């Protein structure tokens, strides 16, 4: 097997890894919403708009299990929680920004 073939296989594997996280509907929007500041569930639901609470909950749980976000008590009150991007999640922000630029370029 040639080295070139191994590199391409590796590249495809890496794209598959990123797509496994970013490929779910609403996930890129959640990451975009958390890019600037932490957010609570209701804030995310309002900012993203149109996402069913069950779906949002499932996406947040998946992102937490993938170590893209963390769920922590709010500093103001322990009765509420907020979601924050981890370093792994912050590394996705430029990808989301590129997706946004591409979408802006080709939106008609």
PDB file of N, CA and C in Angstrom:
ATOM      1  N   UNK A   1       0.848  -1.177   0.000  1.00  0.00           N
ATOM      2  CA  UNK A   1       0.000   0.000   0.000  1.00  0.00           C
ATOM      3  C   UNK A   1       0.893   1.240   0.000  1.00  0.00           C
ATOM      4  N   UNK A   2       0.559   2.220  -0.795  1.00  0.00           N
ATOM      5  CA  UNK A   2       1.390   3.417  -0.889  1.00  0.00           C
ATOM      6  C   UNK A   2       1.141   4.351   0.285  1.00  0.00           C
ATOM      7  N   UNK A   3       2.131   5.220   0.517  1.00  0.00           N
ATOM      8  CA  UNK A   3       2.010   6.208   1.592  1.00  0.00           C
ATOM      9  C   UNK A   3       0.875   7.166   1.304  1.00  0.00           C
ATOM     10  N   UNK A   4       0.706   7.529   0.021  1.00  0.00           N
ATOM     11  CA  UNK A   4      -0.366   8.464  -0.361  1.00  0.00           C
ATOM     12  C   UNK A   4      -1.732   7.903   0.010  1.00  0.00           C
ATOM     13  N   UNK A   5      -1.939   6.628  -0.205  1.00  0.00           N
ATOM     14  CA  UNK A   5      -3.210   5.992   0.142  1.00  0.00           C
ATOM     15  C   UNK A   5      -3.445   6.046   1.652  1.00  0.00           C
ATOM     16  N   UNK A   6      -2.400   5.803   2.441  1.00  0.00           N
ATOM     17  CA  UNK A   6      -2.537   5.851   3.896  1.00  0.00           C
ATOM     18  C   UNK A   6      -2.890   7.249   4.377  1.00  0.00           C
ATOM     19  N   UNK A   7      -2.307   8.279   3.768  1.00  0.00           N
ATOM     20  CA  UNK A   7      -2.617   9.655   4.139  1.00  0.00           C
ATOM     21  C   UNK A   7      -4.071   9.963   3.833  1.00  0.00           C
ATOM     22  N   UNK A   8      -4.552   9.564   2.662  1.00  0.00           N
ATOM     23  CA  UNK A   8      -5.948   9.816   2.307  1.00  0.00           C
ATOM     24  C   UNK A   8      -6.899   9.096   3.244  1.00  0.00           C
ATOM     25  N   UNK A   9      -6.574   7.849   3.598  1.00  0.00           N
ATOM     26  CA  UNK A   9      -7.409   7.112   4.542  1.00  0.00           C
ATOM     27  C   UNK A   9      -7.452   7.839   5.887  1.00  0.00           C
ATOM     28  N   UNK A  10      -6.304   8.333   6.326  1.00  0.00           N
ATOM     29  CA  UNK A  10      -6.242   9.075   7.584  1.00  0.00           C
ATOM     30  C   UNK A  10      -7.079  10.352   7.493  1.00  0.00           C
ATOM     31  N   UNK A  11      -6.957  11.092   6.383  1.00  0.00           N
ATOM     32  CA  UNK A  11      -7.729  12.317   6.198  1.00  0.00           C
ATOM     33  C   UNK A  11      -9.227  12.031   6.238  1.00  0.00           C
ATOM     34  N   UNK A  12      -9.658  10.970   5.564  1.00  0.00           N
ATOM     35  CA  UNK A  12     -11.074  10.624   5.563  1.00  0.00           C
ATOM     36  C   UNK A  12     -11.535  10.236   6.956  1.00  0.00           C
ATOM     37  N   UNK A  13     -10.698   9.542   7.684  1.00  0.00           N
ATOM     38  CA  UNK A  13     -11.026   9.159   9.050  1.00  0.00           C
ATOM     39  C   UNK A  13     -11.192  10.393   9.940  1.00  0.00           C
ATOM     40  N   UNK A  14     -10.321  11.374   9.746  1.00  0.00           N
ATOM     41  CA  UNK A  14     -10.400  12.607  10.541  1.00  0.00           C
ATOM     42  C   UNK A  14     -11.663  13.399  10.214  1.00  0.00           C
ATOM     43  N   UNK A  15     -12.023  13.449   8.938  1.00  0.00           N
ATOM     44  CA  UNK A  15     -13.264  14.129   8.543  1.00  0.00           C
ATOM     45  C   UNK A  15     -14.460  13.398   9.140  1.00  0.00           C
ATOM     46  N   UNK A  16     -14.411  12.077   9.138  1.00  0.00           N
ATOM     47  CA  UNK A  16     -15.501  11.290   9.718  1.00  0.00           C
ATOM     48  C   UNK A  16     -15.637  11.566  11.212  1.00  0.00           C
ATOM     49  N   UNK A  17     -14.513  11.736  11.893  1.00  0.00           N
ATOM     50  CA  UNK A  17     -14.539  12.046  13.321  1.00  0.00           C
ATOM     51  C   UNK A  17     -15.226  13.383  13.579  1.00  0.00           C
ATOM     52  N   UNK A  18     -14.855  14.404  12.804  1.00  0.00           N
ATOM     53  CA  UNK A  18     -15.467  15.727  12.956  1.00  0.00           C
ATOM     54  C   UNK A  18     -16.948  15.683  12.593  1.00  0.00           C
ATOM     55  N   UNK A  19     -17.281  14.963  11.540  1.00  0.00           N
ATOM     56  CA  UNK A  19     -18.679  14.872  11.104  1.00  0.00           C
ATOM     57  C   UNK A  19     -19.533  14.138  12.126  1.00  0.00           C
ATOM     58  N   UNK A  20     -18.955  13.189  12.818  1.00  0.00           N
ATOM     59  CA  UNK A  20     -19.708  12.459  13.848  1.00  0.00           C
ATOM     60  C   UNK A  20     -20.202  13.401  14.932  1.00  0.00           C
ATOM     61  N   UNK A  21     -19.431  14.445  15.211  1.00  0.00           N
ATOM     62  CA  UNK A  21     -19.845  15.425  16.220  1.00  0.00           C
ATOM     63  C   UNK A  21     -20.697  16.525  15.596  1.00  0.00           C
ATOM     64  N   UNK A  22     -20.243  17.103  14.508  1.00  0.00           N
ATOM     65  CA  UNK A  22     -20.913  18.263  13.921  1.00  0.00           C
ATOM     66  C   UNK A  22     -22.091  17.909  13.012  1.00  0.00           C
ATOM     67  N   UNK A  23     -22.248  16.632  12.682  1.00  0.00           N
ATOM     68  CA  UNK A  23     -23.246  16.228  11.711  1.00  0.00           C
ATOM     69  C   UNK A  23     -24.676  16.216  12.211  1.00  0.00           C
ATOM     70  N   UNK A  24     -24.868  16.213  13.520  1.00  0.00           N
ATOM     71  CA  UNK A  24     -26.234  16.220  14.057  1.00  0.00           C
ATOM     72  C   UNK A  24     -26.867  17.592  13.869  1.00  0.00           C
ATOM     73  N   UNK A  25     -28.134  17.566  13.476  1.00  0.00           N
ATOM     74  CA  UNK A  25     -28.860  18.823  13.338  1.00  0.00           C
ATOM     75  C   UNK A  25     -28.838  19.566  14.666  1.00  0.00           C
ATOM     76  N   UNK A  26     -28.659  20.852  14.633  1.00  0.00           N
ATOM     77  CA  UNK A  26     -28.631  21.780  15.762  1.00  0.00           C
ATOM     78  C   UNK A  26     -27.272  21.877  16.445  1.00  0.00           C
ATOM     79  N   UNK A  27     -26.424  20.877  16.317  1.00  0.00           N
ATOM     80  CA  UNK A  27     -25.155  20.887  17.029  1.00  0.00           C
ATOM     81  C   UNK A  27     -24.266  22.073  16.654  1.00  0.00           C
ATOM     82  N   UNK A  28     -24.069  22.370  15.366  1.00  0.00           N
ATOM     83  CA  UNK A  28     -23.255  23.549  15.038  1.00  0.00           C
ATOM     84  C   UNK A  28     -23.833  24.847  15.613  1.00  0.00           C
ATOM     85  N   UNK A  29     -25.162  24.945  15.662  1.00  0.00           N
ATOM     86  CA  UNK A  29     -25.787  26.153  16.214  1.00  0.00           C
ATOM     87  C   UNK A  29     -25.573  26.251  17.725  1.00  0.00           C
ATOM     88  N   UNK A  30     -25.558  25.121  18.402  1.00  0.00           N
ATOM     89  CA  UNK A  30     -25.286  25.112  19.842  1.00  0.00           C
ATOM     90  C   UNK A  30     -23.861  25.591  20.097  1.00  0.00           C
ATOM     91  N   UNK A  31     -22.928  25.068  19.327  1.00  0.00           N
ATOM     92  CA  UNK A  31     -21.533  25.474  19.482  1.00  0.00           C
ATOM     93  C   UNK A  31     -21.376  26.957  19.181  1.00  0.00           C
ATOM     94  N   UNK A  32     -22.045  27.421  18.135  1.00  0.00           N
ATOM     95  CA  UNK A  32     -21.993  28.848  17.792  1.00  0.00           C
ATOM     96  C   UNK A  32     -22.560  29.698  18.930  1.00  0.00           C
ATOM     97  N   UNK A  33     -23.652  29.260  19.515  1.00  0.00           N
ATOM     98  CA  UNK A  33     -24.281  30.019  20.604  1.00  0.00           C
ATOM     99  C   UNK A  33     -23.389  30.080  21.838  1.00  0.00           C
ATOM    100  N   UNK A  34     -22.593  29.041  22.059  1.00  0.00           N
ATOM    101  CA  UNK A  34     -21.725  28.999  23.237  1.00  0.00           C
ATOM    102  C   UNK A  34     -20.334  29.574  22.965  1.00  0.00           C
ATOM    103  N   UNK A  35     -20.078  29.981  21.744  1.00  0.00           N
ATOM    104  CA  UNK A  35     -18.741  30.460  21.362  1.00  0.00           C
ATOM    105  C   UNK A  35     -18.322  31.707  22.130  1.00  0.00           C
ATOM    106  N   UNK A  36     -19.257  32.586  22.406  1.00  0.00           N
ATOM    107  CA  UNK A  36     -18.936  33.846  23.082  1.00  0.00           C
ATOM    108  C   UNK A  36     -19.003  33.720  24.604  1.00  0.00           C
ATOM    109  N   UNK A  37     -20.086  33.123  25.089  1.00  0.00           N
ATOM    110  CA  UNK A  37     -20.337  33.055  26.530  1.00  0.00           C
ATOM    111  C   UNK A  37     -21.013  31.743  26.890  1.00  0.00           C
ATOM    112  N   UNK A  38     -20.892  31.327  28.149  1.00  0.00           N
ATOM    113  CA  UNK A  38     -21.670  30.175  28.610  1.00  0.00           C
ATOM    114  C   UNK A  38     -23.159  30.480  28.479  1.00  0.00           C
ATOM    115  N   UNK A  39     -23.967  29.447  28.416  1.00  0.00           N
ATOM    116  CA  UNK A  39     -25.404  29.655  28.305  1.00  0.00           C
ATOM    117  C   UNK A  39     -26.185  28.625  29.075  1.00  0.00           C
ATOM    118  N   UNK A  40     -27.352  29.045  29.542  1.00  0.00           N
ATOM    119  CA  UNK A  40     -28.279  28.136  30.207  1.00  0.00           C
ATOM    120  C   UNK A  40     -29.186  27.503  29.153  1.00  0.00           C
ATOM    121  N   UNK A  41     -29.857  26.445  29.528  1.00  0.00           N
ATOM    122  CA  UNK A  41     -30.711  25.692  28.612  1.00  0.00           C
ATOM    123  C   UNK A  41     -31.726  26.606  27.926  1.00  0.00           C
ATOM    124  N   UNK A  42     -32.453  27.381  28.725  1.00  0.00           N
ATOM    125  CA  UNK A  42     -33.488  28.260  28.159  1.00  0.00           C
ATOM    126  C   UNK A  42     -32.893  29.316  27.231  1.00  0.00           C
ATOM    127  N   UNK A  43     -31.724  29.829  27.587  1.00  0.00           N
ATOM    128  CA  UNK A  43     -31.058  30.809  26.728  1.00  0.00           C
ATOM    129  C   UNK A  43     -30.694  30.182  25.384  1.00  0.00           C
ATOM    130  N   UNK A  44     -30.165  28.973  25.428  1.00  0.00           N
ATOM    131  CA  UNK A  44     -29.794  28.287  24.191  1.00  0.00           C
ATOM    132  C   UNK A  44     -31.020  28.017  23.336  1.00  0.00           C
ATOM    133  N   UNK A  45     -32.083  27.558  23.966  1.00  0.00           N
ATOM    134  CA  UNK A  45     -33.311  27.262  23.235  1.00  0.00           C
ATOM    135  C   UNK A  45     -33.843  28.520  22.548  1.00  0.00           C
ATOM    136  N   UNK A  46     -33.789  29.643  23.251  1.00  0.00           N
ATOM    137  CA  UNK A  46     -34.262  30.906  22.689  1.00  0.00           C
ATOM    138  C   UNK A  46     -33.350  31.397  21.567  1.00  0.00           C
ATOM    139  N   UNK A  47     -32.056  31.338  21.789  1.00  0.00           N
ATOM    140  CA  UNK A  47     -31.101  31.838  20.800  1.00  0.00           C
ATOM    141  C   UNK A  47     -31.118  31.010  19.520  1.00  0.00           C
ATOM    142  N   UNK A  48     -31.201  29.702  19.676  1.00  0.00           N
ATOM    143  CA  UNK A  48     -31.186  28.829  18.501  1.00  0.00           C
ATOM    144  C   UNK A  48     -32.531  28.881  17.792  1.00  0.00           C
ATOM    145  N   UNK A  49     -33.611  28.886  18.546  1.00  0.00           N
ATOM    146  CA  UNK A  49     -34.951  28.987  17.982  1.00  0.00           C
ATOM    147  C   UNK A  49     -35.367  27.745  17.210  1.00  0.00           C
ATOM    148  N   UNK A  50     -36.533  27.240  17.518  1.00  0.00           N
ATOM    149  CA  UNK A  50     -37.101  26.129  16.771  1.00  0.00           C
ATOM    150  C   UNK A  50     -36.679  24.742  17.211  1.00  0.00           C
ATOM    151  N   UNK A  51     -35.732  24.645  18.122  1.00  0.00           N
ATOM    152  CA  UNK A  51     -35.285  23.330  18.554  1.00  0.00           C
ATOM    153  C   UNK A  51     -36.195  22.819  19.665  1.00  0.00           C
ATOM    154  N   UNK A  52     -36.625  21.592  19.525  1.00  0.00           N
ATOM    155  CA  UNK A  52     -37.460  20.939  20.517  1.00  0.00           C
ATOM    156  C   UNK A  52     -36.636  20.732  21.795  1.00  0.00           C
ATOM    157  N   UNK A  53     -37.217  20.946  22.974  1.00  0.00           N
ATOM    158  CA  UNK A  53     -36.466  20.773  24.221  1.00  0.00           C
ATOM    159  C   UNK A  53     -35.829  19.388  24.370  1.00  0.00           C
ATOM    160  N   UNK A  54     -36.523  18.347  23.946  1.00  0.00           N
ATOM    161  CA  UNK A  54     -35.958  16.995  24.031  1.00  0.00           C
ATOM    162  C   UNK A  54     -34.726  16.869  23.133  1.00  0.00           C
ATOM    163  N   UNK A  55     -34.811  17.458  21.943  1.00  0.00           N
ATOM    164  CA  UNK A  55     -33.691  17.407  21.008  1.00  0.00           C
ATOM    165  C   UNK A  55     -32.510  18.186  21.563  1.00  0.00           C
ATOM    166  N   UNK A  56     -32.773  19.380  22.095  1.00  0.00           N
ATOM    167  CA  UNK A  56     -31.704  20.185  22.669  1.00  0.00           C
ATOM    168  C   UNK A  56     -31.041  19.446  23.822  1.00  0.00           C
ATOM    169  N   UNK A  57     -31.836  18.842  24.668  1.00  0.00           N
ATOM    170  CA  UNK A  57     -31.303  18.082  25.790  1.00  0.00           C
ATOM    171  C   UNK A  57     -30.420  16.935  25.298  1.00  0.00           C
ATOM    172  N   UNK A  58     -30.865  16.227  24.274  1.00  0.00           N
ATOM    173  CA  UNK A  58     -30.088  15.117  23.722  1.00  0.00           C
ATOM    174  C   UNK A  58     -28.779  15.608  23.110  1.00  0.00           C
ATOM    175  N   UNK A  59     -28.839  16.729  22.381  1.00  0.00           N
ATOM    176  CA  UNK A  59     -27.617  17.271  21.761  1.00  0.00           C
ATOM    177  C   UNK A  59     -26.627  17.730  22.829  1.00  0.00           C
ATOM    178  N   UNK A  60     -27.119  18.380  23.873  1.00  0.00           N
ATOM    179  CA  UNK A  60     -26.244  18.829  24.950  1.00  0.00           C
ATOM    180  C   UNK A  60     -25.602  17.634  25.657  1.00  0.00           C
ATOM    181  N   UNK A  61     -26.373  16.596  25.900  1.00  0.00           N
ATOM    182  CA  UNK A  61     -25.830  15.392  26.549  1.00  0.00           C
ATOM    183  C   UNK A  61     -24.763  14.753  25.672  1.00  0.00           C
ATOM    184  N   UNK A  62     -25.005  14.708  24.368  1.00  0.00           N
ATOM    185  CA  UNK A  62     -24.011  14.132  23.447  1.00  0.00           C
ATOM    186  C   UNK A  62     -22.740  14.968  23.438  1.00  0.00           C
ATOM    187  N   UNK A  63     -22.881  16.286  23.369  1.00  0.00           N
ATOM    188  CA  UNK A  63     -21.707  17.158  23.363  1.00  0.00           C
ATOM    189  C   UNK A  63     -20.935  17.040  24.677  1.00  0.00           C
ATOM    190  N   UNK A  64     -21.649  16.863  25.763  1.00  0.00           N
ATOM    191  CA  UNK A  64     -20.988  16.681  27.054  1.00  0.00           C
ATOM    192  C   UNK A  64     -20.234  15.341  27.080  1.00  0.00           C
ATOM    193  N   UNK A  65     -20.844  14.296  26.548  1.00  0.00           N
ATOM    194  CA  UNK A  65     -20.181  12.981  26.528  1.00  0.00           C
ATOM    195  C   UNK A  65     -18.967  12.976  25.594  1.00  0.00           C
ATOM    196  N   UNK A  66     -18.964  13.848  24.604  1.00  0.00           N
ATOM    197  CA  UNK A  66     -17.833  13.968  23.671  1.00  0.00           C
ATOM    198  C   UNK A  66     -16.784  14.964  24.177  1.00  0.00           C
ATOM    199  N   UNK A  67     -17.002  15.528  25.365  1.00  0.00           N
ATOM    200  CA  UNK A  67     -16.099  16.504  25.993  1.00  0.00           C
ATOM    201  C   UNK A  67     -15.966  17.785  25.177  1.00  0.00           C
ATOM    202  N   UNK A  68     -17.050  18.153  24.483  1.00  0.00           N
ATOM    203  CA  UNK A  68     -17.086  19.400  23.719  1.00  0.00           C
ATOM    204  C   UNK A  68     -17.610  20.533  24.602  1.00  0.00           C
ATOM    205  N   UNK A  69     -18.491  20.197  25.537  1.00  0.00           N
ATOM    206  CA  UNK A  69     -19.026  21.166  26.490  1.00  0.00           C
ATOM    207  C   UNK A  69     -18.939  20.589  27.894  1.00  0.00           C
ATOM    208  N   UNK A  70     -19.051  21.476  28.863  1.00  0.00           N
ATOM    209  CA  UNK A  70     -19.202  21.045  30.252  1.00  0.00           C
ATOM    210  C   UNK A  70     -20.484  21.661  30.785  1.00  0.00           C
ATOM    211  N   UNK A  71     -21.063  20.988  31.743  1.00  0.00           N
ATOM    212  CA  UNK A  71     -22.280  21.456  32.413  1.00  0.00           C
ATOM    213  C   UNK A  71     -21.886  21.774  33.842  1.00  0.00           C
ATOM    214  N   UNK A  72     -22.105  23.025  34.246  1.00  0.00           N
ATOM    215  CA  UNK A  72     -21.688  23.473  35.578  1.00  0.00           C
ATOM    216  C   UNK A  72     -22.803  24.269  36.235  1.00  0.00           C
ATOM    217  N   UNK A  73     -22.792  24.334  37.566  1.00  0.00           N
ATOM    218  CA  UNK A  73     -23.754  25.204  38.255  1.00  0.00           C
ATOM    219  C   UNK A  73     -23.476  26.665  37.893  1.00  0.00           C
ATOM    220  N   UNK A  74     -24.535  27.442  37.768  1.00  0.00           N
ATOM    221  CA  UNK A  74     -24.375  28.882  37.517  1.00  0.00           C
ATOM    222  C   UNK A  74     -23.744  29.525  38.740  1.00  0.00           C
ATOM    223  N   UNK A  75     -22.859  30.495  38.533  1.00  0.00           N
ATOM    224  CA  UNK A  75     -22.237  31.167  39.679  1.00  0.00           C
ATOM    225  C   UNK A  75     -23.248  31.906  40.552  1.00  0.00           C
ATOM    226  N   UNK A  76     -24.315  32.414  39.938  1.00  0.00           N
ATOM    227  CA  UNK A  76     -25.279  33.206  40.696  1.00  0.00           C
ATOM    228  C   UNK A  76     -26.199  32.355  41.568  1.00  0.00           C
ATOM    229  N   UNK A  77     -26.511  31.156  41.121  1.00  0.00           N
ATOM    230  CA  UNK A  77     -27.388  30.276  41.881  1.00  0.00           C
ATOM    231  C   UNK A  77     -27.085  28.831  41.535  1.00  0.00           C
ATOM    232  N   UNK A  78     -26.981  27.996  42.512  1.00  0.00           N
ATOM    233  CA  UNK A  78     -26.657  26.590  42.262  1.00  0.00           C
ATOM    234  C   UNK A  78     -27.855  25.803  41.738  1.00  0.00           C
ATOM    235  N   UNK A  79     -29.037  26.416  41.759  1.00  0.00           N
ATOM    236  CA  UNK A  79     -30.232  25.735  41.274  1.00  0.00           C
ATOM    237  C   UNK A  79     -30.266  25.659  39.747  1.00  0.00           C
ATOM    238  N   UNK A  80     -29.460  26.471  39.081  1.00  0.00           N
ATOM    239  CA  UNK A  80     -29.424  26.498  37.620  1.00  0.00           C
ATOM    240  C   UNK A  80     -28.061  26.031  37.131  1.00  0.00           C
ATOM    241  N   UNK A  81     -28.067  25.496  35.928  1.00  0.00           N
ATOM    242  CA  UNK A  81     -26.803  25.072  35.336  1.00  0.00           C
ATOM    243  C   UNK A  81     -26.550  25.854  34.054  1.00  0.00           C
ATOM    244  N   UNK A  82     -25.296  25.890  33.668  1.00  0.00           N
ATOM    245  CA  UNK A  82     -24.920  26.534  32.418  1.00  0.00           C
ATOM    246  C   UNK A  82     -23.969  25.617  31.658  1.00  0.00           C
ATOM    247  N   UNK A  83     -23.911  25.827  30.368  1.00  0.00           N
ATOM    248  CA  UNK A  83     -23.065  25.034  29.497  1.00  0.00           C
ATOM    249  C   UNK A  83     -21.947  25.921  28.973  1.00  0.00           C
ATOM    250  N   UNK A  84     -20.746  25.357  28.933  1.00  0.00           N
ATOM    251  CA  UNK A  84     -19.558  26.082  28.499  1.00  0.00           C
ATOM    252  C   UNK A  84     -18.771  25.193  27.553  1.00  0.00           C
ATOM    253  N   UNK A  85     -18.180  25.804  26.533  1.00  0.00           N
ATOM    254  CA  UNK A  85     -17.308  25.049  25.639  1.00  0.00           C
ATOM    255  C   UNK A  85     -16.020  24.674  26.355  1.00  0.00           C
ATOM    256  N   UNK A  86     -15.563  23.472  26.125  1.00  0.00           N
ATOM    257  CA  UNK A  86     -14.252  23.040  26.593  1.00  0.00           C
ATOM    258  C   UNK A  86     -13.213  23.495  25.562  1.00  0.00           C
ATOM    259  N   UNK A  87     -11.963  23.194  25.805  1.00  0.00           N
ATOM    260  CA  UNK A  87     -10.926  23.507  24.809  1.00  0.00           C
ATOM    261  C   UNK A  87     -11.238  22.799  23.493  1.00  0.00           C
ATOM    262  N   UNK A  88     -11.674  21.567  23.589  1.00  0.00           N
ATOM    263  CA  UNK A  88     -12.054  20.801  22.388  1.00  0.00           C
ATOM    264  C   UNK A  88     -13.204  21.502  21.662  1.00  0.00           C
ATOM    265  N   UNK A  89     -14.155  22.020  22.410  1.00  0.00           N
ATOM    266  CA  UNK A  89     -15.280  22.747  21.822  1.00  0.00           C
ATOM    267  C   UNK A  89     -14.842  24.058  21.197  1.00  0.00           C
ATOM    268  N   UNK A  90     -13.947  24.778  21.884  1.00  0.00           N
ATOM    269  CA  UNK A  90     -13.443  26.053  21.334  1.00  0.00           C
ATOM    270  C   UNK A  90     -12.663  25.823  20.042  1.00  0.00           C
ATOM    271  N   UNK A  91     -12.035  24.665  19.925  1.00  0.00           N
ATOM    272  CA  UNK A  91     -11.325  24.334  18.687  1.00  0.00           C
ATOM    273  C   UNK A  91     -12.279  24.154  17.509  1.00  0.00           C
ATOM    274  N   UNK A  92     -13.555  23.920  17.787  1.00  0.00           N
ATOM    275  CA  UNK A  92     -14.555  23.788  16.723  1.00  0.00           C
ATOM    276  C   UNK A  92     -15.079  25.137  16.228  1.00  0.00           C
ATOM    277  N   UNK A  93     -14.895  26.188  16.999  1.00  0.00           N
ATOM    278  CA  UNK A  93     -15.451  27.501  16.657  1.00  0.00           C
ATOM    279  C   UNK A  93     -14.974  28.002  15.287  1.00  0.00           C
ATOM    280  N   UNK A  94     -13.679  27.919  14.947  1.00  0.00           N
ATOM    281  CA  UNK A  94     -13.270  28.364  13.607  1.00  0.00           C
ATOM    282  C   UNK A  94     -13.943  27.566  12.481  1.00  0.00           C
ATOM    283  N   UNK A  95     -14.223  26.297  12.735  1.00  0.00           N
ATOM    284  CA  UNK A  95     -14.923  25.490  11.732  1.00  0.00           C
ATOM    285  C   UNK A  95     -16.341  26.019  11.541  1.00  0.00           C
ATOM    286  N   UNK A  96     -17.003  26.326  12.641  1.00  0.00           N
ATOM    287  CA  UNK A  96     -18.369  26.870  12.579  1.00  0.00           C
ATOM    288  C   UNK A  96     -18.350  28.228  11.881  1.00  0.00           C
ATOM    289  N   UNK A  97     -17.352  29.047  12.172  1.00  0.00           N
ATOM    290  CA  UNK A  97     -17.235  30.353  11.517  1.00  0.00           C
ATOM    291  C   UNK A  97     -17.015  30.183  10.018  1.00  0.00           C
ATOM    292  N   UNK A  98     -16.219  29.215   9.621  1.00  0.00           N
ATOM    293  CA  UNK A  98     -16.015  28.940   8.194  1.00  0.00           C
ATOM    294  C   UNK A  98     -17.302  28.463   7.534  1.00  0.00           C
ATOM    295  N   UNK A  99     -18.053  27.632   8.244  1.00  0.00           N
ATOM    296  CA  UNK A  99     -19.346  27.179   7.726  1.00  0.00           C
ATOM    297  C   UNK A  99     -20.287  28.372   7.537  1.00  0.00           C
ATOM    298  N   UNK A 100     -20.258  29.290   8.495  1.00  0.00           N
ATOM    299  CA  UNK A 100     -21.088  30.484   8.417  1.00  0.00           C
ATOM    300  C   UNK A 100     -20.693  31.346   7.214  1.00  0.00           C
ATOM    301  N   UNK A 101     -19.401  31.531   7.016  1.00  0.00           N
ATOM    302  CA  UNK A 101     -18.924  32.337   5.880  1.00  0.00           C
ATOM    303  C   UNK A 101     -19.306  31.680   4.559  1.00  0.00           C
ATOM    304  N   UNK A 102     -19.164  30.366   4.483  1.00  0.00           N
ATOM    305  CA  UNK A 102     -19.538  29.660   3.274  1.00  0.00           C
ATOM    306  C   UNK A 102     -21.040  29.792   3.015  1.00  0.00           C
ATOM    307  N   UNK A 103     -21.849  29.597   4.076  1.00  0.00           N
ATOM    308  CA  UNK A 103     -23.303  29.742   3.937  1.00  0.00           C
ATOM    309  C   UNK A 103     -23.696  31.136   3.522  1.00  0.00           C
ATOM    310  N   UNK A 104     -23.024  32.145   4.085  1.00  0.00           N
ATOM    311  CA  UNK A 104     -23.307  33.530   3.712  1.00  0.00           C
ATOM    312  C   UNK A 104     -22.975  33.783   2.237  1.00  0.00           C
ATOM    313  N   UNK A 105     -21.900  33.213   1.769  1.00  0.00           N
ATOM    314  CA  UNK A 105     -21.469  33.407   0.387  1.00  0.00           C
ATOM    315  C   UNK A 105     -22.467  32.807  -0.600  1.00  0.00           C
ATOM    316  N   UNK A 106     -23.071  31.665  -0.223  1.00  0.00           N
ATOM    317  CA  UNK A 106     -23.927  30.947  -1.169  1.00  0.00           C
ATOM    318  C   UNK A 106     -25.408  31.016  -0.826  1.00  0.00           C
ATOM    319  N   UNK A 107     -25.777  31.817   0.177  1.00  0.00           N
ATOM    320  CA  UNK A 107     -27.206  31.999   0.465  1.00  0.00           C
ATOM    321  C   UNK A 107     -27.805  32.902  -0.588  1.00  0.00           C
ATOM    322  N   UNK A 108     -28.929  32.464  -1.095  1.00  0.00           N
ATOM    323  CA  UNK A 108     -29.577  33.254  -2.158  1.00  0.00           C
ATOM    324  C   UNK A 108     -30.831  33.910  -1.678  1.00  0.00           C
TER     325      UNK A 108
END
